[in-house]
Amino acid sequence: MADVTIKPEQFAQTVGEILKEHRDLTDKALHTAVDRTAKQIVTMTKQGSPVKTGRYKASWASQKTTDNGRGGYGRTVHNRKRYMLTHLLQNGHGGPRPAKAIPHIPSDDTTEKIFMEEMEKAMP
């Protein structure tokens, strides 16, 4: 970083500008990391999804759910059309014709690991 000479009355303004620049870079890195993580989770979920007709597997997507302008940003990975099957397939079910579990949705630990790697790549 270059040395900068400022007058005492400009100190607060200069520090504010530096902090704003840092916040903007961090926000951009956060958005990039969240978007890349969501894309990877969608891909992993599609790869592990069971296939009968292919409609369940094809319906996985991510959607922006939070963007409040104060650093909050989030995406939700979900099944657009066959959402009612996700719990039954992931965990299995009993009943007259029980079905065993087909775990295909990545765990929160896996998602966190991917996010942290993406955040480290995205930070300047």
C-alpha atoms as a PDB file:
ATOM      1  CA  MET A   1       0.000   0.000   0.000  1.00  0.00           C
ATOM      2  CA  ALA A   2       1.291   3.459  -0.885  1.00  0.00           C
ATOM      3  CA  ASP A   3       2.089   6.072   1.722  1.00  0.00           C
ATOM      4  CA  VAL A   4      -0.463   8.848   1.796  1.00  0.00           C
ATOM      5  CA  THR A   5      -0.140  12.234   3.448  1.00  0.00           C
ATOM      6  CA  ILE A   6      -3.367  13.759   4.673  1.00  0.00           C
ATOM      7  CA  LYS A   7      -4.348  16.662   6.857  1.00  0.00           C
ATOM      8  CA  PRO A   8      -5.818  15.919  10.305  1.00  0.00           C
ATOM      9  CA  GLU A   9      -9.244  17.193   9.265  1.00  0.00           C
ATOM     10  CA  GLN A  10      -9.279  14.700   6.355  1.00  0.00           C
ATOM     11  CA  PHE A  11      -8.458  11.692   8.547  1.00  0.00           C
ATOM     12  CA  ALA A  12     -12.027  10.599   9.256  1.00  0.00           C
ATOM     13  CA  GLN A  13     -13.052  10.925   5.603  1.00  0.00           C
ATOM     14  CA  THR A  14     -10.000   8.994   4.386  1.00  0.00           C
ATOM     15  CA  VAL A  15     -10.518   6.156   6.879  1.00  0.00           C
ATOM     16  CA  GLY A  16     -14.196   6.024   5.881  1.00  0.00           C
ATOM     17  CA  GLU A  17     -13.259   5.706   2.203  1.00  0.00           C
ATOM     18  CA  ILE A  18     -10.771   2.931   2.942  1.00  0.00           C
ATOM     19  CA  LEU A  19     -13.331   1.022   5.006  1.00  0.00           C
ATOM     20  CA  LYS A  20     -15.975   1.436   2.294  1.00  0.00           C
ATOM     21  CA  GLU A  21     -13.562   0.100  -0.338  1.00  0.00           C
ATOM     22  CA  HIS A  22     -12.745  -2.889   1.867  1.00  0.00           C
ATOM     23  CA  ARG A  23     -16.464  -3.542   2.496  1.00  0.00           C
ATOM     24  CA  ASP A  24     -17.188  -3.428  -1.233  1.00  0.00           C
ATOM     25  CA  LEU A  25     -14.396  -5.921  -1.982  1.00  0.00           C
ATOM     26  CA  THR A  26     -15.609  -8.226   0.794  1.00  0.00           C
ATOM     27  CA  ASP A  27     -19.231  -8.032  -0.410  1.00  0.00           C
ATOM     28  CA  LYS A  28     -18.160  -8.879  -3.946  1.00  0.00           C
ATOM     29  CA  ALA A  29     -16.118 -11.848  -2.684  1.00  0.00           C
ATOM     30  CA  LEU A  30     -19.060 -13.031  -0.564  1.00  0.00           C
ATOM     31  CA  HIS A  31     -21.479 -12.875  -3.511  1.00  0.00           C
ATOM     32  CA  THR A  32     -19.012 -14.754  -5.717  1.00  0.00           C
ATOM     33  CA  ALA A  33     -18.374 -17.445  -3.089  1.00  0.00           C
ATOM     34  CA  VAL A  34     -22.082 -17.972  -2.353  1.00  0.00           C
ATOM     35  CA  ASP A  35     -22.965 -18.181  -6.061  1.00  0.00           C
ATOM     36  CA  ARG A  36     -20.167 -20.657  -6.815  1.00  0.00           C
ATOM     37  CA  THR A  37     -21.015 -22.768  -3.760  1.00  0.00           C
ATOM     38  CA  ALA A  38     -24.695 -22.945  -4.726  1.00  0.00           C
ATOM     39  CA  LYS A  39     -23.749 -23.961  -8.263  1.00  0.00           C
ATOM     40  CA  GLN A  40     -21.485 -26.739  -6.988  1.00  0.00           C
ATOM     41  CA  ILE A  41     -24.131 -28.019  -4.553  1.00  0.00           C
ATOM     42  CA  VAL A  42     -26.737 -28.113  -7.332  1.00  0.00           C
ATOM     43  CA  THR A  43     -24.323 -30.106  -9.509  1.00  0.00           C
ATOM     44  CA  MET A  44     -23.475 -32.518  -6.688  1.00  0.00           C
ATOM     45  CA  THR A  45     -27.147 -33.023  -5.849  1.00  0.00           C
ATOM     46  CA  LYS A  46     -28.072 -33.659  -9.480  1.00  0.00           C
ATOM     47  CA  GLN A  47     -25.270 -36.198  -9.802  1.00  0.00           C
ATOM     48  CA  GLY A  48     -26.430 -38.116  -6.721  1.00  0.00           C
ATOM     49  CA  SER A  49     -30.163 -37.893  -7.385  1.00  0.00           C
ATOM     50  CA  PRO A  50     -32.044 -41.088  -8.203  1.00  0.00           C
ATOM     51  CA  VAL A  51     -33.373 -41.353 -11.739  1.00  0.00           C
ATOM     52  CA  LYS A  52     -36.695 -42.920 -12.604  1.00  0.00           C
ATOM     53  CA  THR A  53     -38.065 -40.495 -15.163  1.00  0.00           C
ATOM     54  CA  GLY A  54     -35.359 -37.821 -14.799  1.00  0.00           C
ATOM     55  CA  ARG A  55     -37.778 -35.060 -13.790  1.00  0.00           C
ATOM     56  CA  TYR A  56     -36.686 -35.073 -10.126  1.00  0.00           C
ATOM     57  CA  LYS A  57     -33.022 -34.878 -11.062  1.00  0.00           C
ATOM     58  CA  ALA A  58     -33.575 -32.090 -13.601  1.00  0.00           C
ATOM     59  CA  SER A  59     -35.552 -29.894 -11.192  1.00  0.00           C
ATOM     60  CA  TRP A  60     -32.651 -28.967  -8.880  1.00  0.00           C
ATOM     61  CA  ALA A  61     -31.798 -25.259  -8.891  1.00  0.00           C
ATOM     62  CA  SER A  62     -30.630 -22.430  -6.662  1.00  0.00           C
ATOM     63  CA  GLN A  63     -32.505 -19.225  -6.000  1.00  0.00           C
ATOM     64  CA  LYS A  64     -31.391 -15.950  -4.435  1.00  0.00           C
ATOM     65  CA  THR A  65     -33.226 -15.702  -1.114  1.00  0.00           C
ATOM     66  CA  THR A  66     -31.430 -12.900   0.729  1.00  0.00           C
ATOM     67  CA  ASP A  67     -29.914  -9.663  -0.517  1.00  0.00           C
ATOM     68  CA  ASN A  68     -30.671  -6.941   1.981  1.00  0.00           C
ATOM     69  CA  GLY A  69     -27.845  -4.572   0.993  1.00  0.00           C
ATOM     70  CA  ARG A  70     -26.228  -4.738   4.435  1.00  0.00           C
ATOM     71  CA  GLY A  71     -23.917  -7.647   3.740  1.00  0.00           C
ATOM     72  CA  GLY A  72     -26.630 -10.289   3.923  1.00  0.00           C
ATOM     73  CA  TYR A  73     -26.643 -12.489   0.849  1.00  0.00           C
ATOM     74  CA  GLY A  74     -27.872 -16.033   0.445  1.00  0.00           C
ATOM     75  CA  ARG A  75     -29.017 -18.641  -2.027  1.00  0.00           C
ATOM     76  CA  THR A  76     -31.250 -21.647  -1.430  1.00  0.00           C
ATOM     77  CA  VAL A  77     -30.731 -24.897  -3.284  1.00  0.00           C
ATOM     78  CA  HIS A  78     -34.087 -26.551  -3.844  1.00  0.00           C
ATOM     79  CA  ASN A  79     -36.032 -28.843  -6.108  1.00  0.00           C
ATOM     80  CA  ARG A  80     -38.389 -26.635  -8.103  1.00  0.00           C
ATOM     81  CA  LYS A  81     -41.022 -29.173  -9.165  1.00  0.00           C
ATOM     82  CA  ARG A  82     -40.554 -32.327  -7.093  1.00  0.00           C
ATOM     83  CA  TYR A  83     -39.824 -30.725  -3.696  1.00  0.00           C
ATOM     84  CA  MET A  84     -42.211 -33.079  -1.902  1.00  0.00           C
ATOM     85  CA  LEU A  85     -39.985 -36.074  -2.689  1.00  0.00           C
ATOM     86  CA  THR A  86     -36.714 -34.719  -1.293  1.00  0.00           C
ATOM     87  CA  HIS A  87     -37.307 -35.716   2.344  1.00  0.00           C
ATOM     88  CA  LEU A  88     -38.705 -39.142   1.433  1.00  0.00           C
ATOM     89  CA  LEU A  89     -35.827 -39.980  -0.905  1.00  0.00           C
ATOM     90  CA  GLN A  90     -33.128 -38.576   1.372  1.00  0.00           C
ATOM     91  CA  ASN A  91     -34.366 -40.296   4.552  1.00  0.00           C
ATOM     92  CA  GLY A  92     -36.439 -43.240   3.321  1.00  0.00           C
ATOM     93  CA  HIS A  93     -39.880 -44.059   4.684  1.00  0.00           C
ATOM     94  CA  GLY A  94     -41.939 -46.836   6.210  1.00  0.00           C
ATOM     95  CA  GLY A  95     -45.520 -47.742   5.478  1.00  0.00           C
ATOM     96  CA  PRO A  96     -47.070 -50.494   3.418  1.00  0.00           C
ATOM     97  CA  ARG A  97     -44.320 -50.255   0.794  1.00  0.00           C
ATOM     98  CA  PRO A  98     -41.236 -49.034   2.686  1.00  0.00           C
ATOM     99  CA  ALA A  99     -38.367 -47.523   0.768  1.00  0.00           C
ATOM    100  CA  LYS A 100     -34.773 -47.245   1.896  1.00  0.00           C
ATOM    101  CA  ALA A 101     -32.953 -43.943   2.034  1.00  0.00           C
ATOM    102  CA  ILE A 102     -31.052 -42.645  -0.986  1.00  0.00           C
ATOM    103  CA  PRO A 103     -28.798 -39.935   0.474  1.00  0.00           C
ATOM    104  CA  HIS A 104     -28.082 -37.543  -2.382  1.00  0.00           C
ATOM    105  CA  ILE A 105     -28.200 -34.062  -0.813  1.00  0.00           C
ATOM    106  CA  PRO A 106     -24.760 -32.882   0.407  1.00  0.00           C
ATOM    107  CA  SER A 107     -24.463 -32.317   4.153  1.00  0.00           C
ATOM    108  CA  ASP A 108     -24.074 -28.918   5.768  1.00  0.00           C
ATOM    109  CA  ASP A 109     -20.449 -29.770   6.580  1.00  0.00           C
ATOM    110  CA  THR A 110     -19.736 -30.383   2.895  1.00  0.00           C
ATOM    111  CA  THR A 111     -21.444 -27.127   1.946  1.00  0.00           C
ATOM    112  CA  GLU A 112     -19.489 -25.212   4.582  1.00  0.00           C
ATOM    113  CA  LYS A 113     -16.196 -26.690   3.378  1.00  0.00           C
ATOM    114  CA  ILE A 114     -16.952 -25.731  -0.235  1.00  0.00           C
ATOM    115  CA  PHE A 115     -18.018 -22.228   0.831  1.00  0.00           C
ATOM    116  CA  MET A 116     -14.848 -21.634   2.843  1.00  0.00           C
ATOM    117  CA  GLU A 117     -12.675 -22.752  -0.092  1.00  0.00           C
ATOM    118  CA  GLU A 118     -14.587 -20.477  -2.475  1.00  0.00           C
ATOM    119  CA  MET A 119     -14.376 -17.549  -0.047  1.00  0.00           C
ATOM    120  CA  GLU A 120     -10.603 -17.951   0.236  1.00  0.00           C
ATOM    121  CA  LYS A 121     -10.310 -17.979  -3.581  1.00  0.00           C
ATOM    122  CA  ALA A 122     -12.533 -14.908  -3.953  1.00  0.00           C
ATOM    123  CA  MET A 123     -10.884 -12.700  -1.318  1.00  0.00           C
ATOM    124  CA  PRO A 124      -8.345 -10.272  -2.774  1.00  0.00           C
END
